């Protein structure tokens, strides 16, 4: 810093000297002397000082602090996972479904399982169901002939004194015989609760031919 002040001091002294010299050249009483190129003198003085300042700057470089890196905030905020209820949780809170339902298992005849009979031939008709609902069939469920085609040569209804729990099976055994009216005959049956309510799915159909 002191060297820089000294350099500017020399510059000021040189410029002051140049100004005195120029005034002396222009004075009217001064003796005639060779003409000086004033611009050349000033230029030479300035160039000399510039060289000195450049040398001084190279010998004493100024340390300029470099910008430091600034930490950047995160661009996004992590989102916590959302808990999804499991199937077990949903099932635990759901209201149990109450249903009255039957599933037909079989329709067969005995002592032989056949579909052709002669007139007045007596045989048995067995119809089996499963309680595939969630309600118990109270004792007293009844199977009834709901409709028929041809001649109704079969027991019209049968009540069973047995309760049927969900998942259990029951068989209704009816008597029947071959019709004297030759041809095809069809019997359609429906199962009812002890209160007379038709059980959904409790439907069965049987067809035979009288020859």
Protein backbone atom coordinates (compact mmCIF):
# COMPACT_ATOMS: atom_id res chain seq x y z
CA UNK A 1 0.00 0.00 0.00
CA UNK A 2 2.91 2.40 0.85
CA UNK A 3 4.55 1.56 -2.46
CA UNK A 4 1.37 2.48 -4.29
CA UNK A 5 1.24 5.87 -2.56
CA UNK A 6 4.89 6.45 -3.47
CA UNK A 7 4.13 5.67 -7.11
CA UNK A 8 1.27 8.17 -7.25
CA UNK A 9 3.56 10.73 -5.60
CA UNK A 10 6.13 10.35 -8.33
CA UNK A 11 3.38 10.70 -10.94
CA UNK A 12 2.28 13.96 -9.35
CA UNK A 13 5.87 15.29 -9.27
CA UNK A 14 6.47 14.48 -12.93
CA UNK A 15 3.22 16.15 -13.99
CA UNK A 16 4.13 19.22 -11.92
CA UNK A 17 7.55 19.33 -13.58
CA UNK A 18 5.95 19.12 -17.04
CA UNK A 19 3.61 22.00 -16.26
CA UNK A 20 6.55 24.20 -15.07
CA UNK A 21 8.50 23.32 -18.18
CA UNK A 22 5.59 24.21 -20.45
CA UNK A 23 5.09 27.57 -18.76
CA UNK A 24 8.77 28.35 -19.17
CA UNK A 25 8.60 27.55 -22.88
CA UNK A 26 5.64 29.89 -23.39
CA UNK A 27 7.06 32.89 -21.43
CA UNK A 28 7.63 36.02 -23.72
CA UNK A 29 10.91 36.96 -22.16
CA UNK A 30 12.47 33.55 -22.53
CA UNK A 31 15.30 33.25 -25.01
CA UNK A 32 14.67 31.57 -28.27
CA UNK A 33 15.37 27.82 -27.93
CA UNK A 34 14.62 24.79 -29.94
CA UNK A 35 10.85 24.05 -30.02
CA UNK A 36 9.82 21.12 -27.81
CA UNK A 37 7.15 18.71 -28.80
CA UNK A 38 4.91 19.15 -25.74
CA UNK A 39 2.63 16.19 -26.55
CA UNK A 40 5.63 13.91 -26.90
CA UNK A 41 6.96 14.98 -23.51
CA UNK A 42 3.62 14.30 -21.77
CA UNK A 43 3.24 10.97 -23.51
CA UNK A 44 6.73 9.89 -22.51
CA UNK A 45 6.08 10.83 -18.89
CA UNK A 46 2.79 9.00 -18.74
CA UNK A 47 4.28 5.88 -20.35
CA UNK A 48 7.10 5.91 -17.79
CA UNK A 49 4.67 6.07 -14.89
CA UNK A 50 2.46 3.36 -16.44
CA UNK A 51 5.45 1.03 -16.69
CA UNK A 52 6.33 1.65 -13.07
CA UNK A 53 2.74 1.01 -11.90
CA UNK A 54 2.53 -2.19 -13.95
CA UNK A 55 5.78 -3.47 -12.46
CA UNK A 56 4.55 -2.56 -8.99
CA UNK A 57 1.27 -4.44 -9.55
CA UNK A 58 3.09 -7.57 -10.72
CA UNK A 59 5.41 -7.51 -7.70
CA UNK A 60 2.51 -6.92 -5.26
CA UNK A 61 -0.61 -8.69 -6.58
CA UNK A 62 -3.83 -7.90 -4.74
CA UNK A 63 -5.51 -10.95 -3.23
CA UNK A 64 -9.18 -10.92 -4.08
CA UNK A 65 -11.31 -13.33 -2.05
CA UNK A 66 -13.09 -15.92 -4.20
CA UNK A 67 -16.80 -16.47 -3.78
CA UNK A 68 -17.58 -19.48 -1.66
CA UNK A 69 -20.13 -22.13 -2.55
CA UNK A 70 -23.49 -21.67 -0.90
CA UNK A 71 -25.31 -24.80 0.21
CA UNK A 72 -28.68 -25.23 -1.49
CA UNK A 73 -31.77 -26.33 0.40
CA UNK A 74 -33.29 -29.67 -0.64
CA UNK A 75 -35.57 -29.40 -3.66
CA UNK A 76 -38.29 -31.65 -2.27
CA UNK A 77 -39.64 -32.79 1.06
CA UNK A 78 -40.15 -36.55 1.51
CA UNK A 79 -43.79 -37.52 1.96
CA UNK A 80 -44.47 -40.08 4.69
CA UNK A 81 -46.14 -43.28 3.41
CA UNK A 82 -49.88 -43.54 3.85
CA UNK A 83 -51.04 -46.60 5.73
CA UNK A 84 -53.43 -48.73 3.68
CA UNK A 85 -55.94 -50.79 5.64
CA UNK A 86 -55.46 -54.52 5.15
CA UNK A 87 -58.13 -56.94 4.06
CA UNK A 88 -58.17 -58.39 7.59
CA UNK A 89 -58.95 -54.99 9.09
CA UNK A 90 -61.80 -54.40 6.64
CA UNK A 91 -63.23 -57.87 7.26
CA UNK A 92 -63.17 -57.35 11.01
CA UNK A 93 -65.23 -54.17 10.78
CA UNK A 94 -67.68 -55.44 8.12
CA UNK A 95 -71.14 -56.59 9.13
CA UNK A 96 -71.60 -60.36 8.64
CA UNK A 97 -73.87 -61.24 5.74
CA UNK A 98 -77.02 -63.15 6.76
CA UNK A 99 -78.41 -65.37 4.03
CA UNK A 100 -80.96 -68.11 3.55
CA UNK A 101 -79.79 -70.35 0.72
CA UNK A 102 -79.80 -73.91 -0.61
CA UNK A 103 -77.73 -75.80 -3.15
CA UNK A 104 -79.12 -78.75 -5.13
CA UNK A 105 -76.86 -81.81 -4.82
CA UNK A 106 -78.69 -84.56 -6.67
CA UNK A 107 -82.01 -85.91 -8.03
CA UNK A 108 -82.11 -89.71 -8.24
CA UNK A 109 -84.49 -92.67 -8.05
CA UNK A 110 -84.32 -96.00 -6.23
CA UNK A 111 -84.03 -98.96 -6.13
CA UNK A 112 -82.68 -98.11 -9.60
CA UNK A 113 -81.63 -94.73 -10.91
CA UNK A 114 -83.47 -94.64 -14.24
CA UNK A 115 -85.80 -92.39 -16.22
CA UNK A 116 -88.09 -94.89 -17.99
CA UNK A 117 -90.97 -96.64 -16.17
CA UNK A 118 -93.98 -98.69 -17.11
CA UNK A 119 -97.47 -97.61 -15.97
CA UNK A 120 -98.11 -98.07 -12.22
CA UNK A 121 -94.50 -99.09 -11.51
CA UNK A 122 -93.76 -97.88 -7.97
CA UNK A 123 -90.35 -96.41 -7.10
CA UNK A 124 -88.78 -93.79 -4.88
CA UNK A 125 -87.52 -90.30 -5.75
CA UNK A 126 -84.66 -88.81 -3.67
CA UNK A 127 -83.73 -85.12 -3.82
CA UNK A 128 -80.69 -83.86 -1.87
CA UNK A 129 -79.80 -80.29 -0.85
CA UNK A 130 -77.03 -78.53 1.09
CA UNK A 131 -77.59 -75.51 3.32
CA UNK A 132 -75.00 -73.14 1.80
CA UNK A 133 -76.34 -70.06 3.56
CA UNK A 134 -75.59 -68.63 7.00
CA UNK A 135 -78.98 -69.35 8.63
CA UNK A 136 -80.07 -72.67 10.08
CA UNK A 137 -83.18 -74.26 8.59
CA UNK A 138 -85.37 -75.03 11.58
CA UNK A 139 -86.91 -78.48 11.89
CA UNK A 140 -90.05 -78.65 9.78
CA UNK A 141 -88.71 -77.61 6.35
CA UNK A 142 -90.96 -78.88 3.56
CA UNK A 143 -90.50 -79.83 -0.08
CA UNK A 144 -93.57 -79.32 -2.27
CA UNK A 145 -94.57 -80.03 -5.85
CA UNK A 146 -94.65 -76.53 -7.34
CA UNK A 147 -95.64 -77.43 -10.91
CA UNK A 148 -95.69 -80.38 -13.28
CA UNK A 149 -96.08 -81.40 -16.92
CA UNK A 150 -98.09 -84.51 -17.81
CA UNK A 151 -99.63 -86.39 -14.87
CA UNK A 152 -98.68 -85.79 -11.20
CA UNK A 153 -97.96 -89.36 -10.09
CA UNK A 154 -95.74 -88.27 -7.17
CA UNK A 155 -96.03 -87.35 -3.48
CA UNK A 156 -97.15 -83.72 -3.39
CA UNK A 157 -95.16 -82.65 -0.31
CA UNK A 158 -92.93 -83.92 2.49
CA UNK A 159 -91.96 -82.32 5.80
CA UNK A 160 -88.71 -83.31 7.53
CA UNK A 161 -88.43 -83.00 11.31
CA UNK A 162 -84.72 -82.09 11.28
CA UNK A 163 -82.83 -78.83 11.64
CA UNK A 164 -80.25 -78.18 8.93
CA UNK A 165 -77.29 -76.03 9.96
CA UNK A 166 -75.08 -74.11 7.50
CA UNK A 167 -72.91 -76.59 5.63
CA UNK A 168 -75.11 -79.59 6.45
CA UNK A 169 -77.05 -81.71 3.94
CA UNK A 170 -80.59 -83.09 3.84
CA UNK A 171 -82.46 -85.56 1.63
CA UNK A 172 -86.15 -85.56 0.83
CA UNK A 173 -87.47 -89.04 -0.11
CA UNK A 174 -90.75 -89.12 -2.05
CA UNK A 175 -92.79 -91.98 -3.46
CA UNK A 176 -93.92 -91.98 -7.11
CA UNK A 177 -95.10 -94.40 -9.84
CA UNK A 178 -95.26 -94.63 -13.59
CA UNK A 179 -98.23 -92.91 -15.20
CA UNK A 180 -100.77 -94.78 -17.30
CA UNK A 181 -100.55 -91.81 -19.65
CA UNK A 182 -97.65 -92.71 -21.84
CA UNK A 183 -95.05 -90.15 -22.64
CA UNK A 184 -92.85 -87.66 -20.79
CA UNK A 185 -93.71 -86.31 -17.37
CA UNK A 186 -91.90 -83.53 -15.44
CA UNK A 187 -92.15 -82.63 -11.73
CA UNK A 188 -90.82 -79.32 -10.33
CA UNK A 189 -90.20 -78.98 -6.56
CA UNK A 190 -89.51 -76.12 -4.14
CA UNK A 191 -88.18 -76.28 -0.55
CA UNK A 192 -89.75 -74.04 2.13
CA UNK A 193 -88.77 -73.17 5.70
CA UNK A 194 -90.93 -74.17 8.63
CA UNK A 195 -92.48 -70.69 8.38
CA UNK A 196 -93.42 -71.32 4.72
CA UNK A 197 -90.67 -69.10 3.21
CA UNK A 198 -89.22 -70.38 -0.11
CA UNK A 199 -85.52 -71.06 0.32
CA UNK A 200 -83.49 -69.48 -2.52
CA UNK A 201 -81.76 -72.21 -4.52
CA UNK A 202 -84.10 -74.86 -3.10
CA UNK A 203 -85.47 -75.79 -6.53
CA UNK A 204 -85.32 -79.21 -8.25
CA UNK A 205 -86.78 -80.76 -11.41
CA UNK A 206 -87.27 -84.40 -12.37
CA UNK A 207 -88.42 -85.84 -15.74
CA UNK A 208 -89.21 -89.46 -16.64
CA UNK A 209 -90.94 -91.28 -19.52
CA UNK A 210 -93.82 -93.72 -19.11
CA UNK A 211 -93.85 -96.55 -21.70
